[in-house]
Amino acid sequence: MRWNLRMKAAERGIWKSTQMRRMLAEAGLEISAGKMSALWTSTPTTIRLDDLEVLCAVLACTPAELLICEPEAVAARKPRTEQATAGQGHSAWQPRLGRNRSAPPL
């Protein structure tokens, strides 16, 4: 996921986090300066749905416009398939995840 808060704020003419913080307070969401700075400068690891709703109302956008999906990042995290590992000298057999089992007899 890519956090798109600053771009959406810029589209509404909001260039500073202090201005955004003031607008959020007017809409009923009091955010500390530290939390606002974190939201403004980096991607949050979590966000409350109530807070997201107020952000969207202030910016006149949807959550999908603030949280941009990046399917290529998900694809990069997938484990390699057996075919890909077989060509690299690895055994095609792999133990089940979470179980400590020895290899079957040959």
C-alpha atoms as a PDB file:
ATOM      1  CA  MET A   1       0.000   0.000   0.000  1.00  0.00           C
ATOM      2  CA  ARG A   2       1.120   3.504  -0.763  1.00  0.00           C
ATOM      3  CA  TRP A   3      -0.059   6.353   1.460  1.00  0.00           C
ATOM      4  CA  ASN A   4      -1.271   9.245  -0.679  1.00  0.00           C
ATOM      5  CA  LEU A   5      -2.192  11.829   1.976  1.00  0.00           C
ATOM      6  CA  ARG A   6       0.142  14.625   0.858  1.00  0.00           C
ATOM      7  CA  MET A   7      -0.929  14.398  -2.792  1.00  0.00           C
ATOM      8  CA  LYS A   8      -4.629  14.494  -1.906  1.00  0.00           C
ATOM      9  CA  ALA A   9      -3.982  17.403   0.472  1.00  0.00           C
ATOM     10  CA  ALA A  10      -2.063  19.284  -2.246  1.00  0.00           C
ATOM     11  CA  GLU A  11      -4.980  18.797  -4.643  1.00  0.00           C
ATOM     12  CA  ARG A  12      -7.133  20.641  -2.076  1.00  0.00           C
ATOM     13  CA  GLY A  13      -4.558  23.425  -1.623  1.00  0.00           C
ATOM     14  CA  ILE A  14      -3.264  22.135   1.716  1.00  0.00           C
ATOM     15  CA  TRP A  15       0.520  22.417   1.757  1.00  0.00           C
ATOM     16  CA  LYS A  16       1.407  22.182   5.446  1.00  0.00           C
ATOM     17  CA  SER A  17       0.643  19.558   8.061  1.00  0.00           C
ATOM     18  CA  THR A  18      -0.335  22.293  10.528  1.00  0.00           C
ATOM     19  CA  GLN A  19      -3.036  23.485   8.128  1.00  0.00           C
ATOM     20  CA  MET A  20      -4.275  19.910   7.724  1.00  0.00           C
ATOM     21  CA  ARG A  21      -4.238  19.382  11.477  1.00  0.00           C
ATOM     22  CA  ARG A  22      -6.321  22.538  11.981  1.00  0.00           C
ATOM     23  CA  MET A  23      -8.876  21.379   9.378  1.00  0.00           C
ATOM     24  CA  LEU A  24      -9.117  17.963  11.014  1.00  0.00           C
ATOM     25  CA  ALA A  25      -9.715  19.617  14.406  1.00  0.00           C
ATOM     26  CA  GLU A  26     -12.528  21.689  12.870  1.00  0.00           C
ATOM     27  CA  ALA A  27     -14.065  18.415  11.631  1.00  0.00           C
ATOM     28  CA  GLY A  28     -13.854  16.892  15.138  1.00  0.00           C
ATOM     29  CA  LEU A  29     -10.587  14.964  14.959  1.00  0.00           C
ATOM     30  CA  GLU A  30      -7.941  16.193  17.401  1.00  0.00           C
ATOM     31  CA  ILE A  31      -4.521  14.835  16.381  1.00  0.00           C
ATOM     32  CA  SER A  32      -1.298  15.501  18.260  1.00  0.00           C
ATOM     33  CA  ALA A  33       1.470  17.311  16.394  1.00  0.00           C
ATOM     34  CA  GLY A  34       3.602  14.153  16.483  1.00  0.00           C
ATOM     35  CA  LYS A  35       0.886  11.932  15.039  1.00  0.00           C
ATOM     36  CA  MET A  36       0.093  14.508  12.354  1.00  0.00           C
ATOM     37  CA  SER A  37       3.763  14.704  11.446  1.00  0.00           C
ATOM     38  CA  ALA A  38       3.912  10.919  11.141  1.00  0.00           C
ATOM     39  CA  LEU A  39       0.794  10.804   8.945  1.00  0.00           C
ATOM     40  CA  TRP A  40       2.161  13.639   6.805  1.00  0.00           C
ATOM     41  CA  THR A  41       5.679  12.286   6.264  1.00  0.00           C
ATOM     42  CA  SER A  42       5.342   8.499   6.200  1.00  0.00           C
ATOM     43  CA  THR A  43       2.975   5.611   5.603  1.00  0.00           C
ATOM     44  CA  PRO A  44       1.108   4.668   8.781  1.00  0.00           C
ATOM     45  CA  THR A  45       1.239   1.018   9.812  1.00  0.00           C
ATOM     46  CA  THR A  46      -2.251   1.344  11.279  1.00  0.00           C
ATOM     47  CA  ILE A  47      -5.026   3.891  11.102  1.00  0.00           C
ATOM     48  CA  ARG A  48      -8.362   3.922  12.863  1.00  0.00           C
ATOM     49  CA  LEU A  49     -11.346   3.731  10.553  1.00  0.00           C
ATOM     50  CA  ASP A  50     -12.958   6.681  12.332  1.00  0.00           C
ATOM     51  CA  ASP A  51      -9.827   8.769  11.683  1.00  0.00           C
ATOM     52  CA  LEU A  52      -9.725   7.647   8.046  1.00  0.00           C
ATOM     53  CA  GLU A  53     -13.352   8.674   7.648  1.00  0.00           C
ATOM     54  CA  VAL A  54     -12.623  12.209   8.901  1.00  0.00           C
ATOM     55  CA  LEU A  55      -9.511  12.463   6.699  1.00  0.00           C
ATOM     56  CA  CYS A  56     -11.606  11.499   3.678  1.00  0.00           C
ATOM     57  CA  ALA A  57     -14.338  13.992   4.597  1.00  0.00           C
ATOM     58  CA  VAL A  58     -11.844  16.852   4.970  1.00  0.00           C
ATOM     59  CA  LEU A  59     -10.074  15.969   1.709  1.00  0.00           C
ATOM     60  CA  ALA A  60     -13.322  15.133  -0.136  1.00  0.00           C
ATOM     61  CA  CYS A  61     -11.930  11.769  -1.243  1.00  0.00           C
ATOM     62  CA  THR A  62     -12.417   8.051  -0.714  1.00  0.00           C
ATOM     63  CA  PRO A  63     -10.199   5.655   1.259  1.00  0.00           C
ATOM     64  CA  ALA A  64      -9.121   4.134  -2.076  1.00  0.00           C
ATOM     65  CA  GLU A  65      -7.645   7.503  -3.033  1.00  0.00           C
ATOM     66  CA  LEU A  66      -5.606   7.664   0.186  1.00  0.00           C
ATOM     67  CA  LEU A  67      -4.532   4.016   0.219  1.00  0.00           C
ATOM     68  CA  ILE A  68      -3.183   3.085  -3.203  1.00  0.00           C
ATOM     69  CA  CYS A  69      -2.910  -0.667  -3.819  1.00  0.00           C
ATOM     70  CA  GLU A  70       0.374  -1.870  -5.302  1.00  0.00           C
ATOM     71  CA  PRO A  71      -0.224  -5.433  -6.583  1.00  0.00           C
ATOM     72  CA  GLU A  72       3.344  -5.709  -7.881  1.00  0.00           C
ATOM     73  CA  ALA A  73       4.623  -5.341  -4.300  1.00  0.00           C
ATOM     74  CA  VAL A  74       2.373  -8.221  -3.232  1.00  0.00           C
ATOM     75  CA  ALA A  75       3.563 -10.370  -6.139  1.00  0.00           C
ATOM     76  CA  ALA A  76       7.184  -9.724  -5.151  1.00  0.00           C
ATOM     77  CA  ARG A  77       6.505 -11.129  -1.663  1.00  0.00           C
ATOM     78  CA  LYS A  78       5.075 -14.453  -2.872  1.00  0.00           C
ATOM     79  CA  PRO A  79       7.287 -17.488  -2.319  1.00  0.00           C
ATOM     80  CA  ARG A  80       8.914 -18.948  -5.392  1.00  0.00           C
ATOM     81  CA  THR A  81       7.206 -21.939  -6.976  1.00  0.00           C
ATOM     82  CA  GLU A  82       8.661 -25.434  -7.123  1.00  0.00           C
ATOM     83  CA  GLN A  83       9.426 -25.033 -10.820  1.00  0.00           C
ATOM     84  CA  ALA A  84      11.522 -21.958 -10.176  1.00  0.00           C
ATOM     85  CA  THR A  85      13.506 -23.640  -7.383  1.00  0.00           C
ATOM     86  CA  ALA A  86      13.903 -26.977  -9.217  1.00  0.00           C
ATOM     87  CA  GLY A  87      15.958 -25.365 -11.959  1.00  0.00           C
ATOM     88  CA  GLN A  88      18.344 -23.932  -9.384  1.00  0.00           C
ATOM     89  CA  GLY A  89      19.560 -27.221  -7.921  1.00  0.00           C
ATOM     90  CA  HIS A  90      17.076 -27.261  -5.044  1.00  0.00           C
ATOM     91  CA  SER A  91      15.075 -30.324  -4.154  1.00  0.00           C
ATOM     92  CA  ALA A  92      11.440 -30.217  -5.283  1.00  0.00           C
ATOM     93  CA  TRP A  93      10.403 -31.671  -1.898  1.00  0.00           C
ATOM     94  CA  GLN A  94       9.818 -29.196   0.901  1.00  0.00           C
ATOM     95  CA  PRO A  95       8.595 -29.925   4.426  1.00  0.00           C
ATOM     96  CA  ARG A  96       5.216 -28.614   5.497  1.00  0.00           C
ATOM     97  CA  LEU A  97       5.437 -25.246   7.185  1.00  0.00           C
ATOM     98  CA  GLY A  98       5.250 -25.279  10.948  1.00  0.00           C
ATOM     99  CA  ARG A  99       6.104 -28.966  11.360  1.00  0.00           C
ATOM    100  CA  ASN A 100       9.464 -30.408  12.257  1.00  0.00           C
ATOM    101  CA  ARG A 101       9.600 -33.528  10.122  1.00  0.00           C
ATOM    102  CA  SER A 102      12.539 -35.345   8.701  1.00  0.00           C
ATOM    103  CA  ALA A 103      12.834 -36.128   5.019  1.00  0.00           C
ATOM    104  CA  PRO A 104      11.082 -39.326   3.904  1.00  0.00           C
ATOM    105  CA  PRO A 105      13.273 -42.403   3.338  1.00  0.00           C
ATOM    106  CA  LEU A 106      14.588 -42.862  -0.168  1.00  0.00           C
END
